[in-house]
Structure formats: structure tokens, C-alpha cells
Amino acid sequence: MKDISLVRILPQEPRVPFIKLRVIAAILSVIAVIASAVLFSTKGLNYGIDFTGGTVIEIGSVTQELDDAEIRSALKEMGYASATVQGIQPPEGSKTKEGVPIENRLIRIGLQLQDESGEEGQGAQQAALIKVKTELTTRIGDYFVRNTEVVGSQVSGELRKKGLMSVGLALFFVLAYIWFRFEWQFGMGAVLALAHDVVLTIGVFSLTGIEFNLTIIAAILTIVGYSLNDTVIVYDRIRENLRKFKRKPLGEVLNISINDTLSRTILTSVTTLLALVALYVLGGSALKGFSFAMIWGVFVGTYSSIFVASPLLMALKLKRGANTGGERADA
């Protein structure tokens, strides 16, 4: 039987001229970053209620099946076109005497972020809650409200600040660690590559209009970790090869190092994508935003570790110092 494993398909010693393509890659990255910044400043993000404030209503019915499309249509007519409706599992043991399971739906209504004093925002949320309860009764018939939750403007504003702070602190500590572990050029290159990944992720969310909430912040932090892992592996090989090939030009050493780790990078990315695609397709609507962010992050993280992080070392004029010197010389 023919062996079709990826390890056999990839060449034993690939020699792709990545460094020669750095100018093209730099142009593409600059265009993508500028486009992401323009999209964010003009179109903005579709913030979830974690960041805007809003109301969550959990409803159920034991007499009929709840139609998601009908509920969305009713909410749209009420003026809540951006509200989301998702089916959820009823609590264990929630059955009628006849054994008919309860139909449960979760309705999320986001409202514009208000001033942190909050009185106007709280009044709007309470009004929205009353309006939805009244209108749904006439549209879908018999139902009951299991739970309601209101995210106030002060809480949502605080969550947005802490979300931004978490990403900023992650990048700062990455810079500190890589600077300590390698030369300063490595730390700066890693942080710029990670910032590139974060900006492009925000840009694609602005472009697609997918809801941006705390789950996506968690995904961005995961992307930072994944991309950093790839970058550190390439950087470690670069440092080894700088010690080994002391007479080779820096560009050639960088290219050799990227190719040395290429099979590992491709295999890791492909296996991660298989799990994420399955999560996106089968995970339901609650996980689509997170899994989409992670799928995009794997692509952009792999790209940046090859075409951004390593070529930046040339732009930052990396020199063979105490951490990149060595006794072995190129034969």
C-alpha cells in the first residue's frame, strides 16, 4: 500500500527561498494592517453584550416547539435586528408529566454602551425586557421565562477595558521574556509579529461582522500563545544556526532555519486546523466565533512566524552577540 503520509510528501531538506520573498510579504502585511485599521476606525466591531451592555432572556415552552426564525423575525420588528437567538439544552429532568421535554431558547439583546453613570442605560434595558416579553406573547404564544440577566453599562465598560488590558499585558510580557531569552532584536521581532496577528484578527472581525465578545478576547490570547510558540521554535533554530554557520550571511542562516522547522510548522498547523474545523462545523452557534477566530489565528500565526518574525531580524540588524555566538564554525 502506498505511503501518503505528510512526512513522506514533504521533502527531507526543503529549501524554499522565504527570505527572498520578504519584500512581497512585507507589502502584503502592510496593506493588510492598514486595511484592518481603516475597517476598525470606520466600520468598527460588532460588540456583544459583554462590551455594550444589554439583556439576556432565557425562555422555554412545554406546549410547542419554539421556532428560532419566528423569534428572530419578531425581534427584528421590535427594532432589535442585532439580537441573537440560540437553542440551549433544558436543565436535566425538566420534563412535563407527559414526558415532553421543555424547548429552551436564549435571546441576547445588545444595547448601545451608555455613560458609566448607567441610569439611562438601565432604564433602556428594563424597557427592552418588558417590550420583548409582551410582544413575544402575541407572536409565539405560550411560553415562560426561565431567567433574565442584565449587563449594565458600567460592567460592560469595565469588561472592555480589562479585555484590552489583557492583550496589552500579554504582548508586554512576551517582549520581556523573549528579550531575556534571546537578543533584544528577537524580542522586538516577536512582539511586532504578534501585534500583526492581533491587528489582522480584529480586522477580519470588523470585515465579517461576527460578534466580538469576551470569548473572542480569549481566542486572541490563545492565538498569541500559538503564534509565539511557532516563532520561538524558529528563533531557537536561528540561534543554533548562527552558532553553527558563523561565516554565512544572516539572510542565508534565516532561510536555512525556517526551512529546518518547516515540516514541524506545517504538521502542527494542519493537525490543529482539523480539530478547529470540526469544532466550527459541529460545535454549534455558541462556539462559532471562537473557532473561527482560532482558525484564522492558525493561518495568520503560521504566516507571521515565517514571513514577519524572521525577516524582521534583518530589518533590526541582528548581530552575532553573546547569545548567538559559538565555537563551531561552518566547515
Protein backbone atom coordinates (compact mmCIF):
# COMPACT_ATOMS: atom_id res chain seq x y z
CA MET A 1 0.00 0.00 0.00
CA LYS A 2 1.36 3.42 -0.97
CA ASP A 3 2.52 5.63 1.90
CA ILE A 4 0.78 9.02 1.59
CA SER A 5 1.77 10.44 4.99
CA LEU A 6 2.60 14.12 5.04
CA VAL A 7 6.11 13.43 6.34
CA ARG A 8 6.81 11.46 3.16
CA ILE A 9 5.23 14.09 0.91
CA LEU A 10 7.35 16.93 2.32
CA PRO A 11 10.98 16.98 1.15
CA GLN A 12 13.60 15.88 3.67
CA GLU A 13 15.52 19.16 3.33
CA PRO A 14 13.23 21.85 1.89
CA ARG A 15 14.95 24.93 0.52
CA VAL A 16 12.16 27.39 -0.15
CA PRO A 17 13.56 30.95 -0.63
CA PHE A 18 11.43 32.57 2.09
CA ILE A 19 13.86 35.41 2.73
CA LYS A 20 13.88 36.38 -0.96
CA LEU A 21 10.09 36.73 -0.71
CA ARG A 22 10.29 39.04 2.32
CA VAL A 23 9.65 42.24 0.35
CA ILE A 24 6.45 40.85 -1.21
CA ALA A 25 5.37 39.53 2.19
CA ALA A 26 6.11 42.90 3.82
CA ILE A 27 3.99 44.73 1.24
CA LEU A 28 1.08 42.32 1.77
CA SER A 29 1.35 42.63 5.55
CA VAL A 30 1.45 46.44 5.47
CA ILE A 31 -1.60 46.53 3.18
CA ALA A 32 -3.46 44.08 5.45
CA VAL A 33 -2.60 46.03 8.62
CA ILE A 34 -3.66 49.36 7.07
CA ALA A 35 -6.90 47.81 5.76
CA SER A 36 -7.62 46.37 9.24
CA ALA A 37 -7.01 49.76 10.87
CA VAL A 38 -9.30 51.51 8.35
CA LEU A 39 -12.05 48.91 8.85
CA PHE A 40 -11.82 49.23 12.63
CA SER A 41 -11.91 53.05 12.56
CA THR A 42 -14.79 53.27 10.04
CA LYS A 43 -16.92 50.16 10.45
CA GLY A 44 -15.92 49.18 13.97
CA LEU A 45 -16.67 45.85 15.63
CA ASN A 46 -19.97 44.10 16.26
CA TYR A 47 -19.59 44.13 20.05
CA GLY A 48 -21.52 41.58 22.07
CA ILE A 49 -23.44 42.49 25.19
CA ASP A 50 -20.31 41.81 27.25
CA PHE A 51 -18.97 45.10 25.87
CA THR A 52 -22.11 47.08 25.02
CA GLY A 53 -24.44 46.25 27.86
CA GLY A 54 -27.72 44.50 27.19
CA THR A 55 -30.23 41.89 28.22
CA VAL A 56 -30.24 38.10 28.17
CA ILE A 57 -33.59 36.32 28.34
CA GLU A 58 -33.93 32.55 28.60
CA ILE A 59 -37.38 31.33 27.60
CA GLY A 60 -38.93 27.89 27.39
CA SER A 61 -42.11 26.12 26.35
CA VAL A 62 -43.71 22.78 27.16
CA THR A 63 -46.65 23.05 24.77
CA GLN A 64 -44.95 23.75 21.44
CA GLU A 65 -41.69 23.81 19.55
CA LEU A 66 -40.08 27.24 19.55
CA ASP A 67 -39.21 28.45 16.05
CA ASP A 68 -35.90 30.34 16.00
CA ALA A 69 -36.73 32.09 12.70
CA GLU A 70 -40.07 33.30 14.04
CA ILE A 71 -38.47 34.65 17.21
CA ARG A 72 -35.77 36.46 15.20
CA SER A 73 -38.44 37.95 12.93
CA ALA A 74 -40.41 39.21 15.92
CA LEU A 75 -37.29 40.75 17.48
CA LYS A 76 -36.41 42.44 14.19
CA GLU A 77 -39.87 44.03 14.02
CA MET A 78 -39.37 45.31 17.57
CA GLY A 79 -36.19 47.07 16.45
CA TYR A 80 -33.68 44.53 17.75
CA ALA A 81 -32.27 43.28 14.44
CA SER A 82 -28.88 42.51 16.01
CA ALA A 83 -30.37 40.30 18.73
CA THR A 84 -29.24 36.68 18.68
CA VAL A 85 -31.33 33.59 19.35
CA GLN A 86 -29.85 30.18 20.11
CA GLY A 87 -31.27 26.88 21.25
CA ILE A 88 -29.95 25.54 24.55
CA GLN A 89 -30.33 22.29 26.39
CA PRO A 90 -33.05 22.38 29.09
CA PRO A 91 -31.95 21.60 32.65
CA GLU A 92 -31.67 17.90 33.42
CA GLY A 93 -35.00 16.42 34.45
CA SER A 94 -37.07 19.30 33.03
CA LYS A 95 -39.99 17.30 31.63
CA THR A 96 -43.77 17.55 31.85
CA LYS A 97 -45.92 14.79 33.27
CA GLU A 98 -46.43 13.51 29.75
CA GLY A 99 -42.66 13.26 29.30
CA VAL A 100 -42.45 16.05 26.72
CA PRO A 101 -39.09 17.87 27.00
CA ILE A 102 -39.03 21.61 27.51
CA GLU A 103 -37.99 23.69 24.50
CA ASN A 104 -35.46 26.33 25.59
CA ARG A 105 -34.09 29.39 23.76
CA LEU A 106 -31.59 32.03 24.81
CA ILE A 107 -32.21 35.57 23.50
CA ARG A 108 -29.42 38.15 23.65
CA ILE A 109 -30.31 41.78 23.05
CA GLY A 110 -27.37 44.18 22.86
CA LEU A 111 -27.89 47.88 23.57
CA GLN A 112 -25.58 50.80 22.83
CA LEU A 113 -22.96 51.37 25.53
CA GLN A 114 -24.16 54.17 27.80
CA ASP A 115 -22.44 56.56 30.15
CA GLU A 116 -20.97 54.76 33.17
CA SER A 117 -23.43 56.55 35.49
CA GLY A 118 -25.77 54.00 33.97
CA GLU A 119 -29.28 55.21 34.83
CA GLU A 120 -30.31 55.84 31.23
CA GLY A 121 -28.81 52.53 30.12
CA GLN A 122 -30.53 50.56 32.89
CA GLY A 123 -33.87 52.13 32.02
CA ALA A 124 -33.43 51.19 28.35
CA GLN A 125 -32.61 47.62 29.28
CA GLN A 126 -35.64 47.26 31.54
CA ALA A 127 -37.86 48.76 28.83
CA ALA A 128 -36.42 46.31 26.28
CA LEU A 129 -37.09 43.40 28.63
CA ILE A 130 -40.74 44.37 29.15
CA LYS A 131 -41.26 45.00 25.43
CA VAL A 132 -39.80 41.65 24.39
CA LYS A 133 -41.85 39.71 26.94
CA THR A 134 -45.08 41.42 25.83
CA GLU A 135 -44.52 41.14 22.07
CA LEU A 136 -43.34 37.52 22.16
CA THR A 137 -46.57 36.52 23.91
CA THR A 138 -48.61 37.69 20.91
CA ARG A 139 -46.19 36.22 18.35
CA ILE A 140 -45.22 32.77 19.62
CA GLY A 141 -47.99 32.01 22.08
CA ASP A 142 -47.47 30.09 25.30
CA TYR A 143 -44.00 30.32 26.82
CA PHE A 144 -42.37 31.02 30.17
CA VAL A 145 -39.27 32.99 31.19
CA ARG A 146 -36.70 30.81 32.97
CA ASN A 147 -34.13 33.50 33.63
CA THR A 148 -33.23 37.12 32.82
CA GLU A 149 -29.87 38.81 33.12
CA VAL A 150 -28.95 42.46 32.57
CA VAL A 151 -25.36 43.53 31.83
CA GLY A 152 -25.10 47.16 32.94
CA SER A 153 -23.13 49.85 31.14
CA GLN A 154 -20.60 50.19 33.97
CA VAL A 155 -19.88 46.45 33.95
CA SER A 156 -19.62 46.25 30.15
CA GLY A 157 -17.28 49.26 30.02
CA GLU A 158 -15.06 47.66 32.66
CA LEU A 159 -15.00 44.37 30.73
CA ARG A 160 -13.90 46.16 27.57
CA LYS A 161 -11.07 47.93 29.40
CA LYS A 162 -9.88 44.71 31.03
CA GLY A 163 -10.06 42.85 27.71
CA LEU A 164 -7.79 45.40 26.04
CA MET A 165 -5.51 45.41 29.07
CA SER A 166 -5.14 41.62 28.98
CA VAL A 167 -3.99 41.68 25.35
CA GLY A 168 -1.58 44.56 26.03
CA LEU A 169 -0.08 42.85 29.09
CA ALA A 170 0.33 39.60 27.14
CA LEU A 171 2.36 41.39 24.46
CA PHE A 172 4.46 43.20 27.09
CA PHE A 173 5.39 40.02 28.94
CA VAL A 174 6.18 38.29 25.65
CA LEU A 175 8.60 41.12 24.86
CA ALA A 176 10.20 40.81 28.32
CA TYR A 177 10.58 37.03 28.09
CA ILE A 178 11.98 36.92 24.56
CA TRP A 179 14.33 39.83 25.30
CA PHE A 180 15.65 37.91 28.32
CA ARG A 181 15.81 34.59 26.45
CA PHE A 182 17.41 35.91 23.23
CA GLU A 183 18.84 39.19 21.90
CA TRP A 184 16.63 42.29 22.03
CA GLN A 185 16.03 42.05 18.28
CA PHE A 186 14.32 38.69 18.82
CA GLY A 187 12.00 40.18 21.44
CA MET A 188 11.07 43.14 19.26
CA GLY A 189 10.54 40.90 16.22
CA ALA A 190 8.27 38.53 18.20
CA VAL A 191 6.13 41.36 19.60
CA LEU A 192 5.76 43.06 16.21
CA ALA A 193 4.73 39.73 14.67
CA LEU A 194 2.17 39.13 17.45
CA ALA A 195 0.81 42.67 17.11
CA HIS A 196 0.49 41.97 13.36
CA ASP A 197 -1.59 38.86 14.16
CA VAL A 198 -3.84 40.70 16.64
CA VAL A 199 -4.48 43.63 14.28
CA LEU A 200 -5.35 41.30 11.38
CA THR A 201 -7.69 39.30 13.61
CA ILE A 202 -9.51 42.46 14.67
CA GLY A 203 -9.66 43.49 11.02
CA VAL A 204 -11.26 40.25 9.87
CA PHE A 205 -13.88 40.50 12.66
CA SER A 206 -14.64 44.05 11.59
CA LEU A 207 -14.96 42.89 7.97
CA THR A 208 -17.19 39.88 8.68
CA GLY A 209 -19.32 41.49 11.41
CA ILE A 210 -19.07 38.42 13.64
CA GLU A 211 -19.95 39.25 17.25
CA PHE A 212 -16.92 40.35 19.26
CA ASN A 213 -17.19 39.37 22.91
CA LEU A 214 -15.11 38.06 25.81
CA THR A 215 -14.86 34.66 24.13
CA ILE A 216 -13.06 36.30 21.20
CA ILE A 217 -10.66 38.02 23.63
CA ALA A 218 -9.85 34.54 24.95
CA ALA A 219 -9.33 33.37 21.36
CA ILE A 220 -6.97 36.28 20.64
CA LEU A 221 -4.89 35.44 23.71
CA THR A 222 -4.79 31.82 22.54
CA ILE A 223 -3.67 32.99 19.10
CA VAL A 224 -0.88 34.99 20.75
CA GLY A 225 0.28 31.85 22.55
CA TYR A 226 0.07 29.68 19.43
CA SER A 227 1.90 32.17 17.22
CA LEU A 228 4.54 32.76 19.88
CA ASN A 229 5.16 29.01 20.14
CA ASP A 230 5.84 28.84 16.40
CA THR A 231 8.03 31.95 16.49
CA VAL A 232 10.15 30.78 19.43
CA ILE A 233 10.84 27.44 17.73
CA VAL A 234 12.04 29.22 14.58
CA TYR A 235 14.07 31.69 16.67
CA ASP A 236 15.71 28.88 18.62
CA ARG A 237 16.79 27.22 15.38
CA ILE A 238 18.08 30.57 14.09
CA ARG A 239 20.22 30.96 17.19
CA GLU A 240 21.60 27.43 16.82
CA ASN A 241 22.45 28.02 13.17
CA LEU A 242 24.09 31.36 13.92
CA ARG A 243 26.44 29.47 16.20
CA LYS A 244 26.95 26.70 13.66
CA PHE A 245 27.35 28.77 10.49
CA LYS A 246 29.43 31.73 11.62
CA ARG A 247 30.59 32.62 8.10
CA LYS A 248 27.21 32.52 6.32
CA PRO A 249 25.30 35.77 5.71
CA LEU A 250 22.40 36.41 8.10
CA GLY A 251 19.76 36.09 5.34
CA GLU A 252 21.03 32.64 4.38
CA VAL A 253 21.07 31.48 8.00
CA LEU A 254 17.49 32.70 8.47
CA ASN A 255 16.33 30.86 5.37
CA ILE A 256 18.02 27.63 6.44
CA SER A 257 16.42 27.89 9.90
CA ILE A 258 12.90 28.49 8.55
CA ASN A 259 13.24 25.50 6.23
CA ASP A 260 14.61 23.33 9.03
CA THR A 261 11.40 23.88 11.03
CA LEU A 262 9.02 23.94 8.06
CA SER A 263 7.78 20.35 8.31
CA ARG A 264 7.09 20.75 12.03
CA THR A 265 5.22 24.02 11.40
CA ILE A 266 3.04 22.53 8.65
CA LEU A 267 2.25 19.34 10.59
CA THR A 268 1.31 21.28 13.74
CA SER A 269 -0.87 23.74 11.82
CA VAL A 270 -2.69 21.04 9.84
CA THR A 271 -3.50 18.90 12.88
CA THR A 272 -4.68 21.98 14.83
CA LEU A 273 -6.87 23.06 11.91
CA LEU A 274 -8.52 19.62 11.72
CA ALA A 275 -9.71 19.96 15.31
CA LEU A 276 -10.79 23.60 14.86
CA VAL A 277 -12.74 22.95 11.65
CA ALA A 278 -14.58 20.11 13.39
CA LEU A 279 -15.34 22.47 16.28
CA TYR A 280 -16.59 25.16 13.88
CA VAL A 281 -18.85 22.76 11.94
CA LEU A 282 -20.16 20.66 14.82
CA GLY A 283 -19.76 22.91 17.86
CA GLY A 284 -22.95 24.90 17.43
CA SER A 285 -23.53 28.64 17.22
CA ALA A 286 -22.11 29.35 20.68
CA LEU A 287 -18.62 28.23 19.59
CA LYS A 288 -18.57 29.52 16.02
CA GLY A 289 -16.99 32.88 16.88
CA PHE A 290 -14.25 31.31 19.00
CA SER A 291 -13.45 28.55 16.50
CA PHE A 292 -13.47 31.00 13.56
CA ALA A 293 -11.01 33.26 15.40
CA MET A 294 -8.77 30.29 16.13
CA ILE A 295 -8.86 29.03 12.52
CA TRP A 296 -7.91 32.49 11.28
CA GLY A 297 -5.26 32.72 14.02
CA VAL A 298 -3.59 29.48 12.94
CA PHE A 299 -3.28 30.75 9.36
CA VAL A 300 -2.05 34.23 10.26
CA GLY A 301 0.19 32.94 13.08
CA THR A 302 1.91 30.45 10.79
CA TYR A 303 2.35 33.14 8.15
CA SER A 304 3.80 35.67 10.61
CA SER A 305 6.30 33.24 12.17
CA ILE A 306 7.74 32.61 8.68
CA PHE A 307 7.30 35.87 6.77
CA VAL A 308 7.19 38.51 9.54
CA ALA A 309 9.09 37.47 12.68
CA SER A 310 12.21 36.10 10.96
CA PRO A 311 12.71 38.78 8.24
CA LEU A 312 12.30 41.46 10.94
CA LEU A 313 15.62 40.29 12.38
CA MET A 314 17.31 41.56 9.22
CA ALA A 315 15.46 44.87 9.40
CA LEU A 316 16.53 45.22 13.06
CA LYS A 317 20.15 44.43 12.06
CA LEU A 318 20.70 41.40 14.27
CA LYS A 319 24.37 40.79 15.04
CA ARG A 320 26.10 37.75 16.45
CA GLY A 321 26.43 38.59 20.14
CA ALA A 322 26.85 36.71 23.40
CA ASN A 323 23.61 34.75 22.95
CA THR A 324 24.19 33.97 19.28
CA GLY A 325 27.90 33.34 19.22
CA GLY A 326 29.56 29.92 19.36
CA GLU A 327 32.66 27.93 18.89
CA ARG A 328 31.57 25.87 15.89
CA ALA A 329 32.31 27.38 12.54
CA ASP A 330 30.99 26.44 9.16
CA ALA A 331 33.24 23.90 7.53
